[in-house]
Each structure stands twice: as C-alpha cells, then as structure tokens.
Amino acid sequence: MKRLLSCILIALLLAACHSSRKTARRPDVPSVEFEKPSEGIDHDVASRLEKEARKWIGTKYRYGGQSRRGTDCSGMMMVIYEGVAGIKLPRDSRSQQKFCRQLKKSQIARGDLVFFATSKNSSRVSHVGMYIGDGDFIHASSSRGVIVSNLSEKYYRNHYHSAGRVPGIKEAGRKGKKKKAERRGDVIESEAPASLPDVRPTAPAPGNGERDLRKAGSVVEVPLDSLLKRGALPDTVASPSVPAVEEHDELADSIRDAVRRAMVF
C-alpha cells in the first residue's frame, strides 16, 4: 500500500514539473507590434517618400545599382531620400542604420527605415527597406527585385534588426512647406505705398458776372471797365468756400486813386 502511494506521489510530481515547463516556455521570435502614432516625421514628406518608393516597384535587383534600371536595397533608399527630402544617406545599409536615430517598434511611422540582419551574423545589418504603414515596407529583394513585404512574414520577423528615422527629415518638411507657400504666393514682400499724384487745380474758364465766379469757386481777374460800369469795385473776389485774400494797403490805395481819377473824367 505504501509502495502504491509512493508511485502515485511521484507521478503527480512529474506531471506538475512537465506542466510548469510548458507554461514557462517563450516563443523563439517575439511578435512585431507597430502602428502607434509618431510625431517625429512630417506627414507631407512621408507621403512623398512613399509615392516615390512605389514608383520603383518592379525594378530588377542589381548589386551596386541605384537607378530604376536596376538597384540594390541601400542604393534605392539613398536615391529616394536625396531626391525627395534633399538628405544624402550613406551608401550601404549598415552605415544607414548607424546614421539614423534609432526607434522603438512603437515609434515607427511612414517614411522610416527598417533594417534586417539576413546573414549568419544576427547582429550585422545587411538589408534595409522603407516602412509605409500597416506593417508593410518597400525594399529591393535580391531574388524578386523591388517589392512590398510585411514585417509579420516569418522570414522578416526572424531577421528583423531595428528601425531608424533619418536625421533632418522634420526640417525637410518645414522647408518643403515654405517653398510650397512661396509658389502659391502666400509669402508676399511688403511694398512701399505709392506716392500721391501731384494734383494742381487748373484755372477756371473766364465767365460773365459774379454768378460765374461763384460757380468756378476761385478768384479770377475782372476787367476794370466792367467793374466801373457796375459802379462797384470789391477789394477781393472769392467764392464762399475760399477765404478772402487780404491785399496790401498800398495796393488798395493805388487802385482807389485810379478809380477816382477815372470818375473825374
């Protein structure tokens, strides 16, 4: 009886150990979790980077190439970033990874670079692609040319190394917006106000009588004979809206003397 109980106890212990080992086992490859919002890259620049990268899809792979006639992974990234953002990346993927600011998986956004260690050395970067959202990235595969792949695919999940953001990409976004605003005419240099035209009143046409003088609104010369016929000689002739012009006393006296002499005859 004691022997039977001992056997049962040993069996229970073995089962407990086996079950605890299964519970403690962790998957060999951790899952890739992306897609949290990121504030470090300009939306407009990211869109233009993705648009340009998509134009390369279908380009054949060529080691050392960097054109749409044939390209490798790092050559394509270098050309795209320089053409869109004016930023020159190093030539090979390992140097590009060191050049970038390293990101956590939760910080990756469109336009960022994702790096892989596809050789036997799992710590050495040997491949690069551009992340475009939803786990997808565009890259130049040595076997299939430029294609779109997903980070959840087993091969890329197993060989994923890191992600990085290209330095200066935020500033490139600001410069692009400024240039676009200038092209639209939003930025306009201030101009000095135009000088007012030099407007001088012209002399009114001579009229007949005091009524014409009032209409003209100005002082005009009136022949002395016409004043004598009317029997009056005002000191000044002006419109109501224009202040009377004061004459010098000597001039007024000389006119009066001339009138008196004329009346004597």
Protein backbone atom coordinates (compact mmCIF):
# COMPACT_ATOMS: atom_id res chain seq x y z
CA MET A 1 0.00 0.00 0.00
CA LYS A 2 2.78 2.38 0.91
CA ARG A 3 4.55 1.47 -2.29
CA LEU A 4 1.44 2.28 -4.32
CA LEU A 5 1.03 5.65 -2.63
CA SER A 6 4.70 6.47 -3.31
CA CYS A 7 4.26 5.69 -7.02
CA ILE A 8 1.19 7.91 -7.25
CA LEU A 9 3.00 10.77 -5.49
CA ILE A 10 6.00 10.54 -7.83
CA ALA A 11 3.70 10.55 -10.88
CA LEU A 12 1.92 13.67 -9.68
CA LEU A 13 5.21 15.49 -9.11
CA LEU A 14 6.46 14.63 -12.59
CA ALA A 15 3.24 15.88 -14.16
CA ALA A 16 3.46 19.14 -12.25
CA CYS A 17 7.05 19.72 -13.40
CA HIS A 18 6.17 18.98 -17.01
CA SER A 19 3.24 21.37 -16.99
CA SER A 20 5.31 24.15 -15.39
CA ARG A 21 7.94 23.84 -18.11
CA LYS A 22 5.30 24.20 -20.81
CA THR A 23 3.88 27.32 -19.17
CA ALA A 24 7.31 28.93 -18.84
CA ARG A 25 8.25 28.36 -22.49
CA ARG A 26 8.52 31.60 -24.53
CA PRO A 27 8.24 31.81 -28.30
CA ASP A 28 11.56 31.94 -30.09
CA VAL A 29 10.53 35.01 -32.14
CA PRO A 30 8.68 37.86 -30.44
CA SER A 31 5.70 39.37 -32.26
CA VAL A 32 6.19 42.68 -34.04
CA GLU A 33 3.93 45.45 -32.77
CA PHE A 34 3.81 48.72 -34.70
CA GLU A 35 1.35 51.41 -35.65
CA LYS A 36 1.32 53.72 -32.64
CA PRO A 37 1.20 57.38 -33.70
CA SER A 38 4.55 59.10 -34.16
CA GLU A 39 5.20 62.84 -34.15
CA GLY A 40 8.74 62.87 -35.50
CA ILE A 41 8.14 62.85 -39.27
CA ASP A 42 6.26 65.33 -41.40
CA HIS A 43 3.13 63.86 -42.99
CA ASP A 44 3.70 65.57 -46.35
CA VAL A 45 7.31 64.36 -46.58
CA ALA A 46 6.28 60.83 -45.61
CA SER A 47 3.62 60.81 -48.33
CA ARG A 48 6.10 61.97 -50.98
CA LEU A 49 8.66 59.39 -49.87
CA GLU A 50 6.11 56.60 -50.15
CA LYS A 51 4.85 57.86 -53.51
CA GLU A 52 8.38 57.90 -54.91
CA ALA A 53 9.23 54.48 -53.45
CA ARG A 54 6.15 52.94 -55.07
CA LYS A 55 7.41 54.07 -58.47
CA TRP A 56 10.35 51.70 -58.01
CA ILE A 57 8.18 48.60 -57.53
CA GLY A 58 9.06 46.04 -60.20
CA THR A 59 12.62 47.32 -60.68
CA LYS A 60 15.02 44.40 -61.01
CA TYR A 61 17.67 43.78 -58.39
CA ARG A 62 21.25 44.66 -59.26
CA TYR A 63 24.03 44.64 -56.71
CA GLY A 64 25.61 48.11 -56.54
CA GLY A 65 22.82 49.62 -58.65
CA GLN A 66 20.94 52.75 -57.68
CA SER A 67 18.56 53.52 -60.52
CA ARG A 68 15.26 52.19 -61.83
CA ARG A 69 17.16 50.16 -64.40
CA GLY A 70 18.49 48.07 -61.52
CA THR A 71 19.11 48.68 -57.82
CA ASP A 72 20.03 47.14 -54.51
CA CYS A 73 18.26 47.93 -51.23
CA SER A 74 20.51 50.70 -49.89
CA GLY A 75 21.03 52.33 -53.29
CA MET A 76 17.29 52.78 -53.72
CA MET A 77 16.89 54.34 -50.24
CA MET A 78 19.77 56.70 -50.89
CA VAL A 79 18.35 57.97 -54.20
CA ILE A 80 14.79 58.35 -52.88
CA TYR A 81 15.74 60.29 -49.77
CA GLU A 82 18.05 62.62 -51.63
CA GLY A 83 15.50 63.27 -54.37
CA VAL A 84 12.52 63.87 -52.08
CA ALA A 85 13.99 65.37 -48.91
CA GLY A 86 17.42 66.54 -50.05
CA ILE A 87 19.14 64.28 -47.48
CA LYS A 88 22.07 62.15 -48.61
CA LEU A 89 22.26 58.79 -46.87
CA PRO A 90 25.40 56.62 -46.63
CA ARG A 91 25.71 54.06 -49.41
CA ASP A 92 25.35 50.72 -47.56
CA SER A 93 22.58 49.51 -45.25
CA ARG A 94 24.83 49.03 -42.22
CA SER A 95 26.03 52.65 -42.42
CA GLN A 96 22.47 53.85 -42.96
CA GLN A 97 21.41 52.09 -39.76
CA LYS A 98 24.17 53.86 -37.81
CA PHE A 99 23.30 57.17 -39.49
CA CYS A 100 19.65 57.03 -38.37
CA ARG A 101 18.19 57.84 -34.98
CA GLN A 102 17.12 54.52 -33.50
CA LEU A 103 13.43 53.93 -32.82
CA LYS A 104 11.36 51.60 -30.72
CA LYS A 105 8.93 49.44 -32.63
CA SER A 106 6.03 51.50 -31.30
CA GLN A 107 7.56 54.69 -32.79
CA ILE A 108 7.91 53.58 -36.42
CA ALA A 109 5.99 55.73 -38.91
CA ARG A 110 5.71 56.02 -42.69
CA GLY A 111 9.00 57.01 -44.26
CA ASP A 112 11.17 55.48 -41.54
CA LEU A 113 13.74 52.82 -42.39
CA VAL A 114 13.61 49.22 -41.19
CA PHE A 115 16.78 47.11 -41.02
CA PHE A 116 17.38 43.37 -41.15
CA ALA A 117 20.25 41.02 -40.41
CA THR A 118 19.86 38.44 -43.17
CA SER A 119 23.31 36.85 -42.89
CA LYS A 120 24.50 34.29 -40.33
CA ASN A 121 25.64 37.11 -38.09
CA SER A 122 22.36 38.20 -36.46
CA SER A 123 23.89 41.45 -35.16
CA ARG A 124 25.15 42.69 -38.53
CA VAL A 125 22.73 44.73 -40.66
CA SER A 126 22.67 43.61 -44.28
CA HIS A 127 19.28 44.76 -45.64
CA VAL A 128 17.07 47.87 -45.49
CA GLY A 129 13.56 48.89 -46.54
CA MET A 130 11.17 51.82 -46.19
CA TYR A 131 8.19 51.46 -43.89
CA ILE A 132 4.88 52.57 -45.47
CA GLY A 133 2.32 51.64 -42.80
CA ASP A 134 0.22 48.63 -41.75
CA GLY A 135 3.39 46.60 -41.28
CA ASP A 136 4.31 46.94 -44.97
CA PHE A 137 7.66 48.09 -46.27
CA ILE A 138 9.16 48.59 -49.73
CA HIS A 139 12.57 47.08 -50.40
CA ALA A 140 14.78 45.60 -53.09
CA SER A 141 14.81 41.82 -52.69
CA SER A 142 17.83 40.07 -54.19
CA SER A 143 15.58 37.36 -55.62
CA ARG A 144 12.46 39.30 -56.63
CA GLY A 145 13.53 42.91 -57.18
CA VAL A 146 11.67 45.83 -55.62
CA ILE A 147 8.56 44.56 -53.86
CA VAL A 148 6.27 45.25 -50.90
CA SER A 149 6.61 42.87 -47.96
CA ASN A 150 5.18 42.75 -44.45
CA LEU A 151 7.04 42.67 -41.17
CA SER A 152 4.76 39.92 -39.91
CA GLU A 153 6.06 37.48 -42.53
CA LYS A 154 8.12 34.79 -40.87
CA TYR A 155 11.36 35.49 -42.72
CA TYR A 156 11.38 39.22 -41.97
CA ARG A 157 10.12 38.69 -38.43
CA ASN A 158 13.01 36.31 -37.79
CA HIS A 159 15.63 38.62 -39.31
CA TYR A 160 14.31 41.98 -38.07
CA HIS A 161 17.13 44.03 -36.55
CA SER A 162 15.98 47.59 -35.83
CA ALA A 163 14.28 50.72 -37.18
CA GLY A 164 15.53 54.26 -37.58
CA ARG A 165 14.49 57.78 -38.52
CA VAL A 166 16.63 59.77 -40.91
CA PRO A 167 18.10 62.89 -39.23
CA GLY A 168 16.86 66.18 -40.68
CA ILE A 169 13.58 64.76 -42.01
CA LYS A 170 11.50 67.07 -39.82
CA GLU A 171 13.38 70.14 -41.01
CA ALA A 172 12.98 68.97 -44.59
CA GLY A 173 9.23 69.05 -44.05
CA ARG A 174 9.33 72.67 -42.89
CA LYS A 175 11.42 73.71 -45.88
CA GLY A 176 9.06 71.93 -48.25
CA LYS A 177 6.05 73.74 -46.80
CA LYS A 178 7.80 77.10 -47.07
CA LYS A 179 8.65 76.52 -50.73
CA LYS A 180 5.09 75.42 -51.46
CA ALA A 181 3.73 78.56 -49.79
CA GLU A 182 6.06 80.73 -51.86
CA ARG A 183 4.91 79.03 -55.07
CA ARG A 184 1.27 79.70 -54.12
CA GLY A 185 2.08 83.36 -53.41
CA ASP A 186 1.26 83.19 -49.70
CA VAL A 187 4.53 84.91 -48.85
CA ILE A 188 4.39 88.41 -50.30
CA GLU A 189 7.02 91.06 -49.69
CA SER A 190 5.67 94.37 -48.43
CA GLU A 191 5.83 97.26 -50.86
CA ALA A 192 6.19 100.98 -50.14
CA PRO A 193 2.93 102.86 -50.67
CA ALA A 194 2.71 104.64 -53.96
CA SER A 195 3.22 108.42 -53.73
CA LEU A 196 0.16 110.54 -54.19
CA PRO A 197 -0.10 112.21 -57.57
CA ASP A 198 0.79 115.90 -57.76
CA VAL A 199 -2.63 117.37 -58.46
CA ARG A 200 -2.77 121.11 -59.07
CA PRO A 201 -6.02 122.94 -59.64
CA THR A 202 -6.44 124.42 -63.06
CA ALA A 203 -7.63 127.96 -63.53
CA PRO A 204 -11.36 128.13 -64.26
CA ALA A 205 -12.52 129.45 -67.58
CA PRO A 206 -13.44 133.15 -67.51
CA GLY A 207 -17.15 133.70 -67.05
CA ASN A 208 -19.56 136.58 -67.19
CA GLY A 209 -20.52 138.20 -63.97
CA GLU A 210 -20.43 137.37 -60.33
CA ARG A 211 -22.55 134.19 -60.76
CA ASP A 212 -19.86 132.66 -62.94
CA LEU A 213 -17.28 133.46 -60.29
CA ARG A 214 -19.27 131.61 -57.61
CA LYS A 215 -19.64 128.55 -59.85
CA ALA A 216 -15.95 128.49 -60.60
CA GLY A 217 -15.08 128.57 -56.90
CA SER A 218 -11.92 130.56 -57.49
CA VAL A 219 -10.64 134.11 -57.82
CA VAL A 220 -10.25 135.45 -61.34
CA GLU A 221 -9.21 138.76 -62.77
CA VAL A 222 -12.07 141.03 -63.85
CA PRO A 223 -11.50 143.88 -66.28
CA LEU A 224 -11.60 147.30 -64.68
CA ASP A 225 -14.07 148.65 -67.28
CA SER A 226 -16.71 146.06 -66.34
CA LEU A 227 -16.39 146.99 -62.67
CA LEU A 228 -16.80 150.68 -63.49
CA LYS A 229 -19.94 150.01 -65.48
CA ARG A 230 -21.42 148.16 -62.49
CA GLY A 231 -20.45 151.05 -60.22
CA ALA A 232 -18.55 148.92 -57.67
CA LEU A 233 -15.06 147.64 -57.21
CA PRO A 234 -14.67 144.98 -54.45
CA ASP A 235 -11.33 144.60 -52.73
CA THR A 236 -11.30 140.84 -53.38
CA VAL A 237 -13.43 138.45 -55.37
CA ALA A 238 -13.66 134.91 -53.98
CA SER A 239 -16.04 132.00 -53.65
CA PRO A 240 -17.72 131.45 -50.26
CA SER A 241 -15.68 128.31 -49.65
CA VAL A 242 -12.33 130.05 -50.19
CA PRO A 243 -11.08 132.56 -47.58
CA ALA A 244 -10.79 136.14 -48.80
CA VAL A 245 -7.34 137.27 -49.76
CA GLU A 246 -6.09 140.29 -47.86
CA GLU A 247 -4.46 142.89 -50.09
CA HIS A 248 -1.69 145.21 -49.13
CA ASP A 249 -2.88 148.67 -48.03
CA GLU A 250 -0.69 150.49 -50.54
CA LEU A 251 -2.05 148.42 -53.43
CA ALA A 252 -5.63 149.09 -52.34
CA ASP A 253 -4.99 152.80 -52.08
CA SER A 254 -3.43 152.95 -55.55
CA ILE A 255 -6.48 151.22 -57.04
CA ARG A 256 -8.85 153.62 -55.32
CA ASP A 257 -6.86 156.60 -56.59
CA ALA A 258 -7.03 155.21 -60.10
CA VAL A 259 -10.81 154.84 -59.82
CA ARG A 260 -11.24 158.38 -58.55
CA ARG A 261 -9.21 159.82 -61.39
CA ALA A 262 -11.22 157.85 -63.89
CA MET A 263 -14.51 159.11 -62.42
CA VAL A 264 -13.40 162.72 -62.67
CA PHE A 265 -13.27 162.42 -66.44
